[in-house]
Amino acid sequence: MTEEEIFAKIAKIIAERFELPEDKVTNDLNFQNDLNADSIDIVEFVLELEDAFGAEISDEDAEQIATVGDAVKFIAARQ
């Protein structure tokens, strides 16, 4: 899966979870600052990432995922 395909899949998850148009999702979008996501939102998003990509994401790794770009790079590195 290419980074573009990963981004598209993540953008769709974010659009549904945070009620944001997909075309507003960028690599620089910060979950806490731009989406006002709290810790529960982040945990639920990480669980969705795990389901969507079949990846195991530790709590330590999840703490490092602050932006959409971070999520894309994380998933791409673990394929």
Protein backbone atom coordinates (compact mmCIF):
# COMPACT_ATOMS: atom_id res chain seq x y z
CA MET A 1 0.00 0.00 0.00
CA THR A 2 1.42 3.40 -0.93
CA GLU A 3 1.55 6.38 1.43
CA GLU A 4 -1.14 8.02 -0.72
CA GLU A 5 -3.44 5.01 -0.26
CA ILE A 6 -2.73 4.96 3.48
CA PHE A 7 -3.46 8.70 3.69
CA ALA A 8 -6.76 8.27 1.83
CA LYS A 9 -7.85 5.50 4.20
CA ILE A 10 -6.85 7.51 7.28
CA ALA A 11 -8.57 10.64 5.90
CA LYS A 12 -11.79 8.65 5.54
CA ILE A 13 -11.55 7.42 9.15
CA ILE A 14 -10.91 10.97 10.40
CA ALA A 15 -13.73 12.41 8.31
CA GLU A 16 -16.19 9.92 9.81
CA ARG A 17 -14.90 10.08 13.40
CA PHE A 18 -14.46 13.85 13.65
CA GLU A 19 -17.19 14.94 11.20
CA LEU A 20 -14.73 16.77 8.98
CA PRO A 21 -14.84 16.87 5.16
CA GLU A 22 -12.17 14.56 3.74
CA ASP A 23 -10.77 17.38 1.61
CA LYS A 24 -9.93 19.29 4.82
CA VAL A 25 -7.68 16.48 6.08
CA THR A 26 -3.98 17.23 5.54
CA ASN A 27 -0.74 15.63 6.72
CA ASP A 28 -0.21 18.59 9.07
CA LEU A 29 -3.60 18.21 10.77
CA ASN A 30 -2.95 17.82 14.50
CA PHE A 31 -5.43 15.65 16.40
CA GLN A 32 -5.38 17.65 19.64
CA ASN A 33 -4.82 21.18 18.34
CA ASP A 34 -6.87 21.12 15.14
CA LEU A 35 -9.56 18.57 15.97
CA ASN A 36 -9.76 19.19 19.73
CA ALA A 37 -9.46 15.44 20.23
CA ASP A 38 -9.29 14.31 23.83
CA SER A 39 -7.52 11.18 25.07
CA ILE A 40 -10.61 9.01 24.50
CA ASP A 41 -10.91 10.27 20.91
CA ILE A 42 -7.24 9.42 20.34
CA VAL A 43 -7.60 5.91 21.79
CA GLU A 44 -10.66 5.22 19.65
CA PHE A 45 -8.87 6.54 16.56
CA VAL A 46 -5.84 4.32 17.26
CA LEU A 47 -8.15 1.31 17.64
CA GLU A 48 -9.71 2.13 14.27
CA LEU A 49 -6.23 2.37 12.72
CA GLU A 50 -5.37 -1.05 14.15
CA ASP A 51 -8.55 -2.54 12.66
CA ALA A 52 -8.20 -0.80 9.30
CA PHE A 53 -4.55 -1.71 8.76
CA GLY A 54 -4.16 -4.88 10.84
CA ALA A 55 -1.39 -3.17 12.80
CA GLU A 56 -0.60 -3.41 16.49
CA ILE A 57 0.00 0.05 17.95
CA SER A 58 1.50 0.20 21.44
CA ASP A 59 0.58 2.96 23.87
CA GLU A 60 4.11 4.39 23.50
CA ASP A 61 3.76 4.48 19.71
CA ALA A 62 0.28 5.99 19.93
CA GLU A 63 1.66 8.85 22.03
CA GLN A 64 4.03 9.71 19.15
CA ILE A 65 1.18 10.04 16.62
CA ALA A 66 0.20 13.71 16.83
CA THR A 67 -0.62 14.47 13.20
CA VAL A 68 -2.13 12.70 10.20
CA GLY A 69 1.35 12.60 8.67
CA ASP A 70 2.66 10.82 11.77
CA ALA A 71 -0.08 8.20 11.43
CA VAL A 72 0.67 7.69 7.72
CA LYS A 73 4.41 7.27 8.37
CA PHE A 74 3.77 4.88 11.25
CA ILE A 75 1.51 2.63 9.18
CA ALA A 76 3.78 2.78 6.11
CA ALA A 77 6.80 1.74 8.19
CA ARG A 78 5.00 -1.31 9.57
CA GLN A 79 3.61 -2.89 6.42
